[in-house]
Amino acid sequence: MNLDKLISSNAVISNPDIKSKKRAVELLAETLAEQLSTETSDTDQESAESVNALDIFQLLIEREKLGSTSMGHGVALPHARTNLTDHAIGAFLKLDEGIDFDSPDNIKTDLIFALMVPEHYTDEHLKILAHLASLFSDETFCREIRNTNDNIEIHKHLINWQITSQAS
């Protein structure tokens, strides 16, 4: 799986002063909306204006109501299927201090990768989530991310993980 098609360096946010799950999801929704608007503004201004952060926020929160997307160990993968995009797109948030994300292990969450996929991405959605779960289950990877405050470096870690993990 090629994560550089899923997340741009502009969609990586590090160390914001976030204190709640709601605010974290809001910021990720704003970032996803910004990414979608940037992608479509070059080709179709009307579509760009229709990408609303509140719509994305509501989709992610509705999914959270079904059950927390926290996978434990300080990691959460909020996600939703939607007609707001025709391809998978992600945004990543690294916090200095963890927040309560209704984690099954009660460990505060400080690494959050939000994912949006088109409605028809049934199998692809599951494959992307499995890849992200594998990525964030790698303790060395998570430690490297937690020790990095530069968004570009975090993005490089996200993109290069598959290369280094497949080489070993």
N, C-alpha and C. Protein backbone atom coordinates (compact mmCIF):
# COMPACT_ATOMS: atom_id res chain seq x y z
N MET A 1 0.85 -1.18 0.00
CA MET A 1 0.00 0.00 0.00
C MET A 1 0.89 1.24 0.00
N ASN A 2 0.50 2.21 -0.79
CA ASN A 2 1.28 3.42 -0.95
C ASN A 2 0.62 4.56 -0.17
N LEU A 3 1.15 4.87 1.02
CA LEU A 3 0.55 5.90 1.85
C LEU A 3 0.73 7.31 1.31
N ASP A 4 1.69 7.53 0.42
CA ASP A 4 1.85 8.89 -0.09
C ASP A 4 0.68 9.31 -0.97
N LYS A 5 -0.11 8.36 -1.44
CA LYS A 5 -1.33 8.69 -2.17
C LYS A 5 -2.49 8.95 -1.21
N LEU A 6 -2.35 8.47 0.02
CA LEU A 6 -3.40 8.58 1.01
C LEU A 6 -3.31 9.87 1.83
N ILE A 7 -2.08 10.30 2.13
CA ILE A 7 -1.91 11.47 3.00
C ILE A 7 -0.78 12.35 2.49
N SER A 8 -1.06 13.64 2.41
CA SER A 8 -0.02 14.60 2.00
C SER A 8 0.66 15.15 3.26
N SER A 9 1.80 15.74 3.08
CA SER A 9 2.51 16.32 4.22
C SER A 9 1.70 17.47 4.84
N ASN A 10 0.84 18.10 4.06
CA ASN A 10 -0.01 19.17 4.58
C ASN A 10 -1.10 18.66 5.51
N ALA A 11 -1.33 17.35 5.50
CA ALA A 11 -2.38 16.75 6.33
C ALA A 11 -1.82 16.14 7.61
N VAL A 12 -0.57 16.48 7.93
CA VAL A 12 0.06 16.02 9.17
C VAL A 12 0.12 17.20 10.13
N ILE A 13 -0.43 17.00 11.32
CA ILE A 13 -0.48 18.05 12.33
C ILE A 13 0.22 17.52 13.57
N SER A 14 1.11 18.32 14.13
CA SER A 14 1.88 17.89 15.29
C SER A 14 1.75 18.87 16.44
N ASN A 15 1.50 18.32 17.63
CA ASN A 15 1.54 19.04 18.89
C ASN A 15 0.53 20.16 19.12
N PRO A 16 -0.64 20.12 18.53
CA PRO A 16 -1.60 21.19 18.86
C PRO A 16 -2.09 21.03 20.30
N ASP A 17 -2.61 22.10 20.82
CA ASP A 17 -3.08 22.11 22.20
C ASP A 17 -4.52 21.58 22.24
N ILE A 18 -4.66 20.29 22.07
CA ILE A 18 -5.98 19.64 22.03
C ILE A 18 -6.20 18.93 23.36
N LYS A 19 -7.38 19.10 23.92
CA LYS A 19 -7.67 18.49 25.22
C LYS A 19 -8.84 17.52 25.19
N SER A 20 -9.51 17.37 24.03
CA SER A 20 -10.68 16.49 23.98
C SER A 20 -10.77 15.73 22.66
N LYS A 21 -11.46 14.62 22.71
CA LYS A 21 -11.71 13.81 21.52
C LYS A 21 -12.48 14.63 20.48
N LYS A 22 -13.48 15.37 20.94
CA LYS A 22 -14.29 16.18 20.02
C LYS A 22 -13.42 17.17 19.26
N ARG A 23 -12.57 17.88 19.96
CA ARG A 23 -11.72 18.89 19.30
C ARG A 23 -10.71 18.24 18.36
N ALA A 24 -10.20 17.07 18.74
CA ALA A 24 -9.27 16.34 17.87
C ALA A 24 -9.96 15.95 16.56
N VAL A 25 -11.17 15.43 16.68
CA VAL A 25 -11.92 15.03 15.48
C VAL A 25 -12.28 16.25 14.64
N GLU A 26 -12.62 17.37 15.29
CA GLU A 26 -12.90 18.62 14.56
C GLU A 26 -11.69 19.05 13.74
N LEU A 27 -10.52 19.04 14.37
CA LEU A 27 -9.30 19.46 13.68
C LEU A 27 -8.98 18.53 12.51
N LEU A 28 -9.15 17.24 12.71
CA LEU A 28 -8.91 16.29 11.62
C LEU A 28 -9.93 16.50 10.49
N ALA A 29 -11.19 16.76 10.84
CA ALA A 29 -12.21 17.01 9.82
C ALA A 29 -11.89 18.28 9.03
N GLU A 30 -11.43 19.32 9.72
CA GLU A 30 -11.02 20.56 9.05
C GLU A 30 -9.87 20.29 8.09
N THR A 31 -8.92 19.49 8.53
CA THR A 31 -7.76 19.17 7.70
C THR A 31 -8.17 18.35 6.48
N LEU A 32 -9.04 17.37 6.67
CA LEU A 32 -9.52 16.57 5.54
C LEU A 32 -10.29 17.44 4.55
N ALA A 33 -11.15 18.32 5.05
CA ALA A 33 -11.92 19.21 4.18
C ALA A 33 -10.99 20.12 3.39
N GLU A 34 -9.96 20.62 4.05
CA GLU A 34 -8.98 21.48 3.39
C GLU A 34 -8.26 20.72 2.27
N GLN A 35 -7.89 19.48 2.55
CA GLN A 35 -7.21 18.66 1.55
C GLN A 35 -8.11 18.40 0.35
N LEU A 36 -9.36 18.06 0.61
CA LEU A 36 -10.30 17.80 -0.49
C LEU A 36 -10.58 19.07 -1.28
N SER A 37 -10.69 20.19 -0.59
CA SER A 37 -10.94 21.46 -1.27
C SER A 37 -9.75 21.85 -2.15
N THR A 38 -8.55 21.63 -1.64
CA THR A 38 -7.34 21.94 -2.40
C THR A 38 -7.27 21.08 -3.66
N GLU A 39 -7.60 19.80 -3.53
CA GLU A 39 -7.56 18.88 -4.67
C GLU A 39 -8.56 19.27 -5.75
N THR A 40 -9.77 19.66 -5.33
CA THR A 40 -10.81 19.93 -6.30
C THR A 40 -10.82 21.37 -6.80
N SER A 41 -10.18 22.28 -6.08
CA SER A 41 -10.24 23.69 -6.49
C SER A 41 -9.57 23.93 -7.83
N ASP A 42 -8.59 23.11 -8.16
CA ASP A 42 -7.92 23.26 -9.45
C ASP A 42 -8.82 22.88 -10.62
N THR A 43 -9.78 22.01 -10.37
CA THR A 43 -10.60 21.50 -11.47
C THR A 43 -12.06 21.93 -11.41
N ASP A 44 -12.62 22.04 -10.22
CA ASP A 44 -14.04 22.29 -10.12
C ASP A 44 -14.36 23.10 -8.86
N GLN A 45 -14.48 24.41 -9.00
CA GLN A 45 -14.70 25.29 -7.85
C GLN A 45 -15.98 24.95 -7.10
N GLU A 46 -17.03 24.56 -7.81
CA GLU A 46 -18.29 24.24 -7.15
C GLU A 46 -18.13 23.07 -6.19
N SER A 47 -17.40 22.03 -6.59
CA SER A 47 -17.16 20.88 -5.72
C SER A 47 -16.33 21.27 -4.52
N ALA A 48 -15.35 22.13 -4.73
CA ALA A 48 -14.48 22.56 -3.64
C ALA A 48 -15.29 23.23 -2.54
N GLU A 49 -16.24 24.03 -2.93
CA GLU A 49 -17.05 24.73 -1.94
C GLU A 49 -17.99 23.79 -1.21
N SER A 50 -18.32 22.64 -1.80
CA SER A 50 -19.25 21.72 -1.17
C SER A 50 -18.60 20.84 -0.11
N VAL A 51 -17.27 20.83 -0.04
CA VAL A 51 -16.58 20.04 0.98
C VAL A 51 -16.60 20.83 2.28
N ASN A 52 -17.38 20.37 3.20
CA ASN A 52 -17.61 21.09 4.44
C ASN A 52 -17.03 20.30 5.61
N ALA A 53 -16.21 20.94 6.40
CA ALA A 53 -15.59 20.28 7.55
C ALA A 53 -16.63 19.74 8.52
N LEU A 54 -17.74 20.45 8.67
CA LEU A 54 -18.79 19.99 9.58
C LEU A 54 -19.39 18.66 9.10
N ASP A 55 -19.56 18.51 7.79
CA ASP A 55 -20.07 17.24 7.25
C ASP A 55 -19.12 16.10 7.57
N ILE A 56 -17.84 16.34 7.40
CA ILE A 56 -16.83 15.32 7.68
C ILE A 56 -16.81 15.02 9.18
N PHE A 57 -16.86 16.05 10.00
CA PHE A 57 -16.89 15.87 11.45
C PHE A 57 -18.07 14.98 11.85
N GLN A 58 -19.25 15.27 11.29
CA GLN A 58 -20.44 14.49 11.64
C GLN A 58 -20.30 13.03 11.23
N LEU A 59 -19.71 12.78 10.06
CA LEU A 59 -19.47 11.40 9.63
C LEU A 59 -18.55 10.66 10.59
N LEU A 60 -17.47 11.31 10.98
CA LEU A 60 -16.51 10.68 11.89
C LEU A 60 -17.12 10.45 13.27
N ILE A 61 -17.89 11.41 13.76
CA ILE A 61 -18.54 11.27 15.08
C ILE A 61 -19.61 10.19 15.04
N GLU A 62 -20.37 10.11 13.95
CA GLU A 62 -21.37 9.04 13.82
C GLU A 62 -20.71 7.68 13.91
N ARG A 63 -19.55 7.54 13.28
CA ARG A 63 -18.82 6.26 13.36
C ARG A 63 -18.35 6.01 14.78
N GLU A 64 -17.90 7.05 15.48
CA GLU A 64 -17.46 6.89 16.86
C GLU A 64 -18.60 6.45 17.77
N LYS A 65 -19.81 6.89 17.45
CA LYS A 65 -20.98 6.50 18.26
C LYS A 65 -21.25 5.00 18.17
N LEU A 66 -20.83 4.38 17.08
CA LEU A 66 -20.99 2.93 16.93
C LEU A 66 -20.01 2.17 17.81
N GLY A 67 -18.95 2.81 18.19
CA GLY A 67 -17.89 2.22 19.01
C GLY A 67 -16.61 2.96 18.75
N SER A 68 -15.81 3.09 19.78
CA SER A 68 -14.57 3.84 19.64
C SER A 68 -13.67 3.22 18.59
N THR A 69 -13.01 4.09 17.83
CA THR A 69 -12.06 3.63 16.82
C THR A 69 -10.64 3.60 17.41
N SER A 70 -10.54 3.73 18.72
CA SER A 70 -9.23 3.61 19.35
C SER A 70 -8.81 2.15 19.30
N MET A 71 -7.55 1.92 18.93
CA MET A 71 -7.04 0.55 18.92
C MET A 71 -6.16 0.27 20.14
N GLY A 72 -6.12 1.23 21.06
CA GLY A 72 -5.31 1.07 22.26
C GLY A 72 -3.88 1.51 22.02
N HIS A 73 -3.07 1.45 23.07
CA HIS A 73 -1.65 1.83 23.02
C HIS A 73 -1.44 3.26 22.54
N GLY A 74 -2.44 4.13 22.76
CA GLY A 74 -2.30 5.54 22.41
C GLY A 74 -2.64 5.88 20.97
N VAL A 75 -3.30 4.95 20.26
CA VAL A 75 -3.57 5.13 18.83
C VAL A 75 -5.07 5.02 18.55
N ALA A 76 -5.57 5.90 17.68
CA ALA A 76 -6.96 5.83 17.22
C ALA A 76 -7.00 6.00 15.71
N LEU A 77 -7.96 5.33 15.07
CA LEU A 77 -8.13 5.39 13.61
C LEU A 77 -9.58 5.75 13.26
N PRO A 78 -10.01 6.98 13.56
CA PRO A 78 -11.37 7.36 13.17
C PRO A 78 -11.50 7.31 11.65
N HIS A 79 -12.64 6.80 11.18
CA HIS A 79 -12.80 6.62 9.74
C HIS A 79 -14.28 6.67 9.36
N ALA A 80 -14.51 6.92 8.08
CA ALA A 80 -15.89 6.96 7.57
C ALA A 80 -15.89 6.72 6.07
N ARG A 81 -16.98 6.15 5.60
CA ARG A 81 -17.22 6.04 4.16
C ARG A 81 -18.20 7.14 3.79
N THR A 82 -17.97 7.75 2.62
CA THR A 82 -18.75 8.92 2.26
C THR A 82 -18.78 9.14 0.75
N ASN A 83 -19.72 9.94 0.32
CA ASN A 83 -19.75 10.35 -1.09
C ASN A 83 -19.05 11.71 -1.29
N LEU A 84 -18.38 12.22 -0.26
CA LEU A 84 -17.68 13.50 -0.35
C LEU A 84 -16.35 13.39 -1.09
N THR A 85 -15.89 12.17 -1.32
CA THR A 85 -14.61 11.97 -2.01
C THR A 85 -14.71 10.77 -2.94
N ASP A 86 -13.91 10.78 -3.99
CA ASP A 86 -13.90 9.65 -4.92
C ASP A 86 -12.64 8.80 -4.74
N HIS A 87 -11.85 9.09 -3.70
CA HIS A 87 -10.66 8.31 -3.39
C HIS A 87 -10.39 8.39 -1.89
N ALA A 88 -9.58 7.48 -1.40
CA ALA A 88 -9.24 7.48 0.02
C ALA A 88 -8.35 8.67 0.34
N ILE A 89 -8.56 9.24 1.52
CA ILE A 89 -7.77 10.39 1.96
C ILE A 89 -7.61 10.31 3.48
N GLY A 90 -6.44 10.74 3.95
CA GLY A 90 -6.18 10.67 5.38
C GLY A 90 -5.61 11.95 5.93
N ALA A 91 -5.67 12.06 7.25
CA ALA A 91 -5.05 13.16 7.99
C ALA A 91 -4.53 12.58 9.30
N PHE A 92 -3.41 13.11 9.77
CA PHE A 92 -2.78 12.56 10.96
C PHE A 92 -2.54 13.66 11.99
N LEU A 93 -2.82 13.33 13.24
CA LEU A 93 -2.66 14.26 14.35
C LEU A 93 -1.80 13.61 15.44
N LYS A 94 -0.72 14.29 15.80
CA LYS A 94 0.15 13.84 16.90
C LYS A 94 0.02 14.86 18.02
N LEU A 95 -0.32 14.38 19.20
CA LEU A 95 -0.50 15.25 20.35
C LEU A 95 0.67 15.14 21.31
N ASP A 96 1.00 16.23 21.98
CA ASP A 96 2.02 16.20 23.04
C ASP A 96 1.52 15.39 24.22
N GLU A 97 0.26 15.61 24.58
CA GLU A 97 -0.35 14.90 25.69
C GLU A 97 -1.57 14.16 25.19
N GLY A 98 -1.70 12.92 25.62
CA GLY A 98 -2.81 12.09 25.19
C GLY A 98 -4.15 12.61 25.71
N ILE A 99 -5.20 12.20 25.01
CA ILE A 99 -6.57 12.55 25.37
C ILE A 99 -7.38 11.27 25.54
N ASP A 100 -8.50 11.38 26.21
CA ASP A 100 -9.41 10.25 26.37
C ASP A 100 -10.12 10.01 25.04
N PHE A 101 -9.91 8.84 24.45
CA PHE A 101 -10.54 8.49 23.18
C PHE A 101 -11.35 7.20 23.35
N ASP A 102 -11.80 6.94 24.58
CA ASP A 102 -12.56 5.73 24.90
C ASP A 102 -11.78 4.47 24.50
N SER A 103 -10.51 4.48 24.83
CA SER A 103 -9.61 3.39 24.48
C SER A 103 -9.92 2.13 25.28
N PRO A 104 -9.85 0.96 24.65
CA PRO A 104 -10.13 -0.28 25.38
C PRO A 104 -9.13 -0.56 26.50
N ASP A 105 -7.91 -0.02 26.39
CA ASP A 105 -6.91 -0.24 27.43
C ASP A 105 -6.78 0.95 28.39
N ASN A 106 -7.65 1.94 28.22
CA ASN A 106 -7.68 3.15 29.05
C ASN A 106 -6.40 3.97 28.99
N ILE A 107 -5.56 3.74 27.98
CA ILE A 107 -4.37 4.56 27.77
C ILE A 107 -4.78 5.77 26.94
N LYS A 108 -4.32 6.94 27.35
CA LYS A 108 -4.65 8.17 26.62
C LYS A 108 -4.09 8.11 25.21
N THR A 109 -4.84 8.66 24.26
CA THR A 109 -4.51 8.61 22.84
C THR A 109 -3.74 9.86 22.43
N ASP A 110 -2.60 9.64 21.75
CA ASP A 110 -1.81 10.77 21.27
C ASP A 110 -1.47 10.67 19.78
N LEU A 111 -1.81 9.56 19.14
CA LEU A 111 -1.60 9.39 17.69
C LEU A 111 -2.94 9.05 17.05
N ILE A 112 -3.41 9.94 16.16
CA ILE A 112 -4.74 9.76 15.58
C ILE A 112 -4.65 9.92 14.07
N PHE A 113 -5.02 8.88 13.36
CA PHE A 113 -5.03 8.90 11.90
C PHE A 113 -6.48 8.80 11.45
N ALA A 114 -6.99 9.87 10.83
CA ALA A 114 -8.37 9.88 10.34
C ALA A 114 -8.38 9.49 8.87
N LEU A 115 -9.37 8.71 8.50
CA LEU A 115 -9.48 8.17 7.15
C LEU A 115 -10.88 8.38 6.61
N MET A 116 -10.95 8.83 5.37
CA MET A 116 -12.22 8.90 4.65
C MET A 116 -12.06 8.14 3.34
N VAL A 117 -13.05 7.33 3.03
CA VAL A 117 -13.03 6.58 1.77
C VAL A 117 -14.39 6.73 1.09
N PRO A 118 -14.43 6.55 -0.23
CA PRO A 118 -15.71 6.61 -0.93
C PRO A 118 -16.64 5.48 -0.48
N GLU A 119 -17.93 5.69 -0.64
CA GLU A 119 -18.94 4.70 -0.26
C GLU A 119 -18.65 3.32 -0.83
N HIS A 120 -18.20 3.26 -2.08
CA HIS A 120 -18.02 1.97 -2.76
C HIS A 120 -16.72 1.26 -2.37
N TYR A 121 -15.92 1.83 -1.50
CA TYR A 121 -14.63 1.25 -1.09
C TYR A 121 -14.80 0.22 0.04
N THR A 122 -15.59 -0.79 -0.15
CA THR A 122 -15.83 -1.77 0.91
C THR A 122 -14.56 -2.55 1.23
N ASP A 123 -14.03 -3.27 0.26
CA ASP A 123 -12.82 -4.06 0.49
C ASP A 123 -11.60 -3.17 0.71
N GLU A 124 -11.49 -2.10 -0.11
CA GLU A 124 -10.36 -1.20 0.01
C GLU A 124 -10.31 -0.56 1.39
N HIS A 125 -11.48 -0.20 1.91
CA HIS A 125 -11.58 0.42 3.24
C HIS A 125 -10.97 -0.51 4.28
N LEU A 126 -11.34 -1.77 4.24
CA LEU A 126 -10.83 -2.74 5.21
C LEU A 126 -9.34 -2.97 5.03
N LYS A 127 -8.87 -2.99 3.79
CA LYS A 127 -7.44 -3.18 3.54
C LYS A 127 -6.63 -1.99 4.06
N ILE A 128 -7.12 -0.78 3.85
CA ILE A 128 -6.42 0.41 4.34
C ILE A 128 -6.39 0.40 5.87
N LEU A 129 -7.53 0.10 6.50
CA LEU A 129 -7.56 0.04 7.96
C LEU A 129 -6.61 -1.03 8.49
N ALA A 130 -6.55 -2.18 7.83
CA ALA A 130 -5.63 -3.24 8.25
C ALA A 130 -4.19 -2.78 8.14
N HIS A 131 -3.88 -2.08 7.06
CA HIS A 131 -2.51 -1.56 6.88
C HIS A 131 -2.18 -0.54 7.96
N LEU A 132 -3.11 0.37 8.23
CA LEU A 132 -2.88 1.38 9.27
C LEU A 132 -2.75 0.73 10.65
N ALA A 133 -3.57 -0.28 10.91
CA ALA A 133 -3.48 -0.98 12.19
C ALA A 133 -2.11 -1.66 12.32
N SER A 134 -1.62 -2.23 11.25
CA SER A 134 -0.30 -2.86 11.26
C SER A 134 0.79 -1.81 11.49
N LEU A 135 0.68 -0.71 10.80
CA LEU A 135 1.63 0.39 10.94
C LEU A 135 1.70 0.87 12.38
N PHE A 136 0.54 1.14 12.98
CA PHE A 136 0.50 1.70 14.32
C PHE A 136 0.63 0.64 15.42
N SER A 137 0.71 -0.62 15.04
CA SER A 137 1.02 -1.68 16.00
C SER A 137 2.52 -1.86 16.15
N ASP A 138 3.28 -1.26 15.26
CA ASP A 138 4.74 -1.33 15.28
C ASP A 138 5.25 -0.37 16.36
N GLU A 139 5.74 -0.93 17.47
CA GLU A 139 6.18 -0.10 18.60
C GLU A 139 7.33 0.84 18.23
N THR A 140 8.23 0.37 17.39
CA THR A 140 9.36 1.20 16.97
C THR A 140 8.86 2.40 16.17
N PHE A 141 7.95 2.14 15.25
CA PHE A 141 7.37 3.21 14.44
C PHE A 141 6.70 4.25 15.35
N CYS A 142 5.85 3.80 16.26
CA CYS A 142 5.14 4.73 17.15
C CYS A 142 6.11 5.54 18.00
N ARG A 143 7.16 4.90 18.48
CA ARG A 143 8.17 5.61 19.28
C ARG A 143 8.84 6.70 18.44
N GLU A 144 9.18 6.36 17.18
CA GLU A 144 9.81 7.35 16.30
C GLU A 144 8.88 8.53 16.07
N ILE A 145 7.61 8.26 15.84
CA ILE A 145 6.62 9.34 15.62
C ILE A 145 6.50 10.20 16.88
N ARG A 146 6.42 9.55 18.02
CA ARG A 146 6.27 10.30 19.28
C ARG A 146 7.50 11.16 19.58
N ASN A 147 8.65 10.76 19.08
CA ASN A 147 9.88 11.51 19.32
C ASN A 147 10.18 12.54 18.24
N THR A 148 9.27 12.72 17.31
CA THR A 148 9.45 13.65 16.20
C THR A 148 8.39 14.74 16.28
N ASN A 149 8.81 16.00 16.20
CA ASN A 149 7.85 17.10 16.25
C ASN A 149 7.70 17.81 14.91
N ASP A 150 8.49 17.43 13.93
CA ASP A 150 8.44 18.06 12.62
C ASP A 150 7.45 17.33 11.72
N ASN A 151 6.48 18.06 11.19
CA ASN A 151 5.43 17.46 10.36
C ASN A 151 5.99 16.75 9.13
N ILE A 152 7.00 17.33 8.51
CA ILE A 152 7.60 16.71 7.32
C ILE A 152 8.27 15.39 7.69
N GLU A 153 8.96 15.36 8.82
CA GLU A 153 9.60 14.12 9.27
C GLU A 153 8.55 13.06 9.62
N ILE A 154 7.48 13.47 10.26
CA ILE A 154 6.40 12.52 10.58
C ILE A 154 5.83 11.96 9.28
N HIS A 155 5.60 12.82 8.31
CA HIS A 155 5.08 12.37 7.02
C HIS A 155 6.04 11.37 6.38
N LYS A 156 7.33 11.66 6.44
CA LYS A 156 8.33 10.73 5.88
C LYS A 156 8.26 9.38 6.57
N HIS A 157 8.10 9.38 7.89
CA HIS A 157 7.96 8.11 8.62
C HIS A 157 6.72 7.35 8.15
N LEU A 158 5.62 8.06 7.98
CA LEU A 158 4.38 7.42 7.51
C LEU A 158 4.57 6.80 6.13
N ILE A 159 5.20 7.53 5.24
CA ILE A 159 5.40 7.08 3.86
C ILE A 159 6.41 5.95 3.78
N ASN A 160 7.48 6.05 4.56
CA ASN A 160 8.57 5.08 4.45
C ASN A 160 8.37 3.82 5.26
N TRP A 161 7.38 3.79 6.12
CA TRP A 161 7.21 2.60 6.97
C TRP A 161 7.07 1.32 6.15
N GLN A 162 6.24 1.36 5.14
CA GLN A 162 6.04 0.13 4.37
C GLN A 162 7.33 -0.35 3.73
N ILE A 163 8.17 0.56 3.32
CA ILE A 163 9.42 0.18 2.69
C ILE A 163 10.33 -0.50 3.70
N THR A 164 10.48 0.11 4.87
CA THR A 164 11.37 -0.47 5.87
C THR A 164 10.77 -1.74 6.47
N SER A 165 9.45 -1.78 6.64
CA SER A 165 8.85 -2.95 7.26
C SER A 165 8.86 -4.14 6.30
N GLN A 166 8.72 -3.89 5.01
CA GLN A 166 8.72 -4.97 4.04
C GLN A 166 10.14 -5.47 3.77
N ALA A 167 11.13 -4.62 4.03
CA ALA A 167 12.52 -5.01 3.79
C ALA A 167 13.03 -5.94 4.88
N SER A 168 12.40 -5.91 6.05
CA SER A 168 12.90 -6.75 7.15
C SER A 168 12.28 -8.12 7.16
